[in-house]
């Protein structure tokens, strides 16, 4: 796989994980929150793996069915994109 694509996925997923963790901390302290639409956007921009990891580590937004469905959709999309890139590299 191309090096720049791997670097992008590492950066966006690490950023998503950190931002989701910050949102969880703010939720516990009933402070200003990060919009769900921002978390969705990060997931669809490639941070779905980081979002799924944050949901598992922090138990963040695990009771919101719509959130789980949308993040799962983004996750599947990016698994497909990465799979296609690996497949194309093998040809």
N, C-alpha and C. Protein backbone atom coordinates (compact mmCIF):
# COMPACT_ATOMS: atom_id res chain seq x y z
N UNK A 1 0.85 -1.18 0.00
CA UNK A 1 0.00 0.00 0.00
C UNK A 1 0.89 1.24 0.00
N UNK A 2 0.38 2.27 -0.57
CA UNK A 2 1.16 3.49 -0.66
C UNK A 2 1.42 4.07 0.73
N UNK A 3 2.63 4.54 0.92
CA UNK A 3 3.06 5.03 2.23
C UNK A 3 2.24 6.23 2.70
N UNK A 4 1.90 7.14 1.78
CA UNK A 4 1.15 8.32 2.19
C UNK A 4 -0.26 7.96 2.65
N UNK A 5 -0.86 6.93 2.06
CA UNK A 5 -2.19 6.50 2.48
C UNK A 5 -2.14 5.91 3.89
N UNK A 6 -1.13 5.11 4.15
CA UNK A 6 -0.98 4.52 5.48
C UNK A 6 -0.75 5.61 6.53
N UNK A 7 0.08 6.59 6.20
CA UNK A 7 0.33 7.71 7.12
C UNK A 7 -0.95 8.49 7.38
N UNK A 8 -1.75 8.70 6.32
CA UNK A 8 -3.01 9.42 6.49
C UNK A 8 -3.94 8.66 7.44
N UNK A 9 -4.08 7.34 7.22
CA UNK A 9 -4.96 6.55 8.09
C UNK A 9 -4.47 6.54 9.53
N UNK A 10 -3.18 6.46 9.73
CA UNK A 10 -2.65 6.50 11.10
C UNK A 10 -2.95 7.84 11.77
N UNK A 11 -2.75 8.93 11.04
CA UNK A 11 -2.99 10.26 11.59
C UNK A 11 -4.47 10.50 11.89
N UNK A 12 -5.34 10.19 10.95
CA UNK A 12 -6.77 10.47 11.14
C UNK A 12 -7.35 9.58 12.25
N UNK A 13 -6.90 8.34 12.35
CA UNK A 13 -7.42 7.47 13.39
C UNK A 13 -6.91 7.83 14.77
N UNK A 14 -5.64 8.21 14.86
CA UNK A 14 -5.11 8.67 16.14
C UNK A 14 -5.83 9.95 16.58
N UNK A 15 -6.05 10.87 15.65
CA UNK A 15 -6.76 12.12 15.96
C UNK A 15 -8.19 11.84 16.40
N UNK A 16 -8.85 10.94 15.71
CA UNK A 16 -10.23 10.59 16.06
C UNK A 16 -10.30 9.97 17.45
N UNK A 17 -9.37 9.10 17.75
CA UNK A 17 -9.32 8.47 19.07
C UNK A 17 -9.14 9.52 20.16
N UNK A 18 -8.23 10.47 19.96
CA UNK A 18 -7.98 11.51 20.95
C UNK A 18 -9.20 12.42 21.10
N UNK A 19 -9.79 12.84 19.98
CA UNK A 19 -10.95 13.74 20.03
C UNK A 19 -12.14 13.06 20.70
N UNK A 20 -12.35 11.79 20.40
CA UNK A 20 -13.43 11.05 21.04
C UNK A 20 -13.18 10.90 22.54
N UNK A 21 -11.93 10.68 22.93
CA UNK A 21 -11.59 10.60 24.35
C UNK A 21 -11.84 11.92 25.07
N UNK A 22 -11.51 13.02 24.40
CA UNK A 22 -11.77 14.35 24.98
C UNK A 22 -13.27 14.55 25.15
N UNK A 23 -14.05 14.12 24.16
CA UNK A 23 -15.51 14.26 24.25
C UNK A 23 -16.05 13.44 25.42
N UNK A 24 -15.50 12.26 25.65
CA UNK A 24 -15.94 11.43 26.76
C UNK A 24 -15.62 12.09 28.11
N UNK A 25 -14.45 12.67 28.21
CA UNK A 25 -14.08 13.38 29.44
C UNK A 25 -15.04 14.54 29.68
N UNK A 26 -15.33 15.29 28.62
CA UNK A 26 -16.25 16.42 28.75
C UNK A 26 -17.66 15.95 29.09
N UNK A 27 -18.05 14.80 28.59
CA UNK A 27 -19.38 14.27 28.90
C UNK A 27 -19.49 13.94 30.38
N UNK A 28 -18.44 13.37 30.94
CA UNK A 28 -18.45 13.05 32.37
C UNK A 28 -18.52 14.29 33.24
N UNK A 29 -17.92 15.37 32.77
CA UNK A 29 -17.88 16.62 33.54
C UNK A 29 -19.00 17.58 33.16
N UNK A 30 -19.92 17.13 32.31
CA UNK A 30 -21.02 17.94 31.79
C UNK A 30 -20.55 19.30 31.28
N UNK A 31 -19.53 19.26 30.47
CA UNK A 31 -18.97 20.46 29.84
C UNK A 31 -19.41 20.52 28.38
N UNK A 32 -18.88 21.53 27.68
CA UNK A 32 -19.13 21.68 26.25
C UNK A 32 -18.70 20.40 25.55
N UNK A 33 -19.51 19.94 24.58
CA UNK A 33 -19.27 18.67 23.91
C UNK A 33 -18.91 18.87 22.44
N UNK A 34 -18.29 17.88 21.87
CA UNK A 34 -18.00 17.86 20.44
C UNK A 34 -19.25 17.34 19.74
N UNK A 35 -19.65 18.00 18.66
CA UNK A 35 -20.87 17.62 17.95
C UNK A 35 -20.74 16.21 17.39
N UNK A 36 -21.87 15.49 17.40
CA UNK A 36 -21.87 14.16 16.80
C UNK A 36 -21.54 14.24 15.32
N UNK A 37 -22.00 15.29 14.67
CA UNK A 37 -21.72 15.43 13.24
C UNK A 37 -20.21 15.52 12.98
N UNK A 38 -19.48 16.12 13.90
CA UNK A 38 -18.02 16.18 13.77
C UNK A 38 -17.42 14.79 13.92
N UNK A 39 -17.94 14.01 14.86
CA UNK A 39 -17.46 12.64 15.05
C UNK A 39 -17.80 11.77 13.84
N UNK A 40 -18.99 11.99 13.26
CA UNK A 40 -19.36 11.28 12.04
C UNK A 40 -18.40 11.64 10.90
N UNK A 41 -18.13 12.92 10.76
CA UNK A 41 -17.24 13.38 9.70
C UNK A 41 -15.86 12.76 9.83
N UNK A 42 -15.33 12.76 11.03
CA UNK A 42 -14.02 12.14 11.27
C UNK A 42 -14.04 10.65 10.90
N UNK A 43 -15.14 9.98 11.21
CA UNK A 43 -15.25 8.56 10.88
C UNK A 43 -15.24 8.35 9.37
N UNK A 44 -16.00 9.16 8.64
CA UNK A 44 -16.07 9.00 7.20
C UNK A 44 -14.82 9.50 6.48
N UNK A 45 -14.06 10.35 7.13
CA UNK A 45 -12.80 10.80 6.53
C UNK A 45 -11.68 9.78 6.73
N UNK A 46 -11.99 8.70 7.42
CA UNK A 46 -11.00 7.64 7.59
C UNK A 46 -10.75 7.25 9.03
N UNK A 47 -11.36 7.94 9.97
CA UNK A 47 -11.12 7.69 11.38
C UNK A 47 -12.05 6.68 12.02
N UNK A 48 -12.70 5.86 11.21
CA UNK A 48 -13.67 4.90 11.73
C UNK A 48 -13.01 3.88 12.65
N UNK A 49 -11.78 3.48 12.33
CA UNK A 49 -11.08 2.50 13.17
C UNK A 49 -10.80 3.11 14.55
N UNK A 50 -10.37 4.36 14.58
CA UNK A 50 -10.14 5.06 15.84
C UNK A 50 -11.42 5.25 16.64
N UNK A 51 -12.53 5.51 15.92
CA UNK A 51 -13.81 5.70 16.60
C UNK A 51 -14.29 4.40 17.22
N UNK A 52 -14.15 3.30 16.50
CA UNK A 52 -14.55 2.00 17.04
C UNK A 52 -13.68 1.65 18.25
N UNK A 53 -12.40 1.94 18.16
CA UNK A 53 -11.50 1.69 19.29
C UNK A 53 -11.90 2.55 20.49
N UNK A 54 -12.25 3.81 20.26
CA UNK A 54 -12.66 4.67 21.37
C UNK A 54 -13.97 4.20 21.98
N UNK A 55 -14.86 3.67 21.15
CA UNK A 55 -16.12 3.14 21.68
C UNK A 55 -15.85 1.96 22.59
N UNK A 56 -14.86 1.15 22.24
CA UNK A 56 -14.52 -0.01 23.06
C UNK A 56 -13.74 0.38 24.31
N UNK A 57 -12.76 1.27 24.17
CA UNK A 57 -11.92 1.66 25.30
C UNK A 57 -12.64 2.54 26.31
N UNK A 58 -13.35 3.54 25.80
CA UNK A 58 -13.97 4.55 26.67
C UNK A 58 -15.46 4.30 26.91
N UNK A 59 -16.01 3.28 26.23
CA UNK A 59 -17.46 3.04 26.25
C UNK A 59 -18.20 4.32 25.86
N UNK A 60 -17.70 4.93 24.82
CA UNK A 60 -18.23 6.21 24.38
C UNK A 60 -19.30 6.02 23.32
N UNK A 61 -20.49 6.56 23.55
CA UNK A 61 -21.62 6.55 22.63
C UNK A 61 -22.06 5.13 22.26
N UNK A 62 -21.91 4.20 23.18
CA UNK A 62 -22.28 2.82 22.90
C UNK A 62 -23.77 2.56 23.10
N UNK A 63 -24.49 3.49 23.64
CA UNK A 63 -25.94 3.33 23.82
C UNK A 63 -26.74 4.01 22.72
N UNK A 64 -26.07 4.69 21.82
CA UNK A 64 -26.74 5.42 20.75
C UNK A 64 -26.74 4.55 19.49
N UNK A 65 -27.89 3.98 19.18
CA UNK A 65 -28.01 3.06 18.06
C UNK A 65 -27.64 3.72 16.74
N UNK A 66 -28.12 4.94 16.50
CA UNK A 66 -27.80 5.63 15.25
C UNK A 66 -26.31 5.87 15.11
N UNK A 67 -25.67 6.24 16.20
CA UNK A 67 -24.23 6.48 16.17
C UNK A 67 -23.49 5.19 15.81
N UNK A 68 -23.87 4.10 16.44
CA UNK A 68 -23.23 2.81 16.18
C UNK A 68 -23.41 2.41 14.72
N UNK A 69 -24.62 2.59 14.18
CA UNK A 69 -24.88 2.22 12.79
C UNK A 69 -24.06 3.06 11.81
N UNK A 70 -23.99 4.35 12.04
CA UNK A 70 -23.27 5.24 11.13
C UNK A 70 -21.77 4.97 11.20
N UNK A 71 -21.24 4.78 12.39
CA UNK A 71 -19.81 4.48 12.52
C UNK A 71 -19.49 3.11 11.91
N UNK A 72 -20.39 2.15 12.08
CA UNK A 72 -20.20 0.84 11.45
C UNK A 72 -20.17 0.96 9.94
N UNK A 73 -21.06 1.78 9.38
CA UNK A 73 -21.07 2.01 7.94
C UNK A 73 -19.75 2.61 7.47
N UNK A 74 -19.25 3.60 8.21
CA UNK A 74 -17.96 4.21 7.87
C UNK A 74 -16.84 3.19 7.98
N UNK A 75 -16.90 2.34 9.00
CA UNK A 75 -15.89 1.31 9.21
C UNK A 75 -15.85 0.35 8.02
N UNK A 76 -17.03 -0.13 7.61
CA UNK A 76 -17.12 -1.05 6.47
C UNK A 76 -16.61 -0.39 5.20
N UNK A 77 -16.96 0.87 5.01
CA UNK A 77 -16.50 1.61 3.83
C UNK A 77 -14.98 1.66 3.78
N UNK A 78 -14.35 1.94 4.90
CA UNK A 78 -12.89 2.06 4.92
C UNK A 78 -12.18 0.71 4.88
N UNK A 79 -12.81 -0.33 5.39
CA UNK A 79 -12.26 -1.68 5.21
C UNK A 79 -12.26 -2.00 3.72
N UNK A 80 -13.34 -1.65 3.03
CA UNK A 80 -13.42 -1.88 1.58
C UNK A 80 -12.34 -1.08 0.85
N UNK A 81 -12.20 0.19 1.19
CA UNK A 81 -11.20 1.04 0.53
C UNK A 81 -9.80 0.49 0.74
N UNK A 82 -9.47 0.14 1.96
CA UNK A 82 -8.15 -0.42 2.24
C UNK A 82 -7.95 -1.77 1.54
N UNK A 83 -9.00 -2.58 1.56
CA UNK A 83 -8.92 -3.88 0.88
C UNK A 83 -8.68 -3.71 -0.62
N UNK A 84 -9.35 -2.75 -1.22
CA UNK A 84 -9.16 -2.51 -2.65
C UNK A 84 -7.74 -2.00 -2.93
N UNK A 85 -7.21 -1.18 -2.05
CA UNK A 85 -5.84 -0.70 -2.23
C UNK A 85 -4.83 -1.83 -2.13
N UNK A 86 -5.01 -2.69 -1.18
CA UNK A 86 -4.11 -3.85 -1.03
C UNK A 86 -4.24 -4.75 -2.26
N UNK A 87 -5.46 -4.99 -2.69
CA UNK A 87 -5.70 -5.83 -3.87
C UNK A 87 -5.03 -5.24 -5.11
N UNK A 88 -5.17 -3.94 -5.31
CA UNK A 88 -4.57 -3.28 -6.48
C UNK A 88 -3.04 -3.33 -6.41
N UNK A 89 -2.48 -3.26 -5.22
CA UNK A 89 -1.03 -3.36 -5.07
C UNK A 89 -0.51 -4.75 -5.41
N UNK A 90 -1.36 -5.76 -5.19
CA UNK A 90 -0.95 -7.14 -5.45
C UNK A 90 -0.97 -7.46 -6.95
N UNK A 91 -1.73 -6.69 -7.71
CA UNK A 91 -1.81 -6.96 -9.15
C UNK A 91 -0.56 -6.57 -9.88
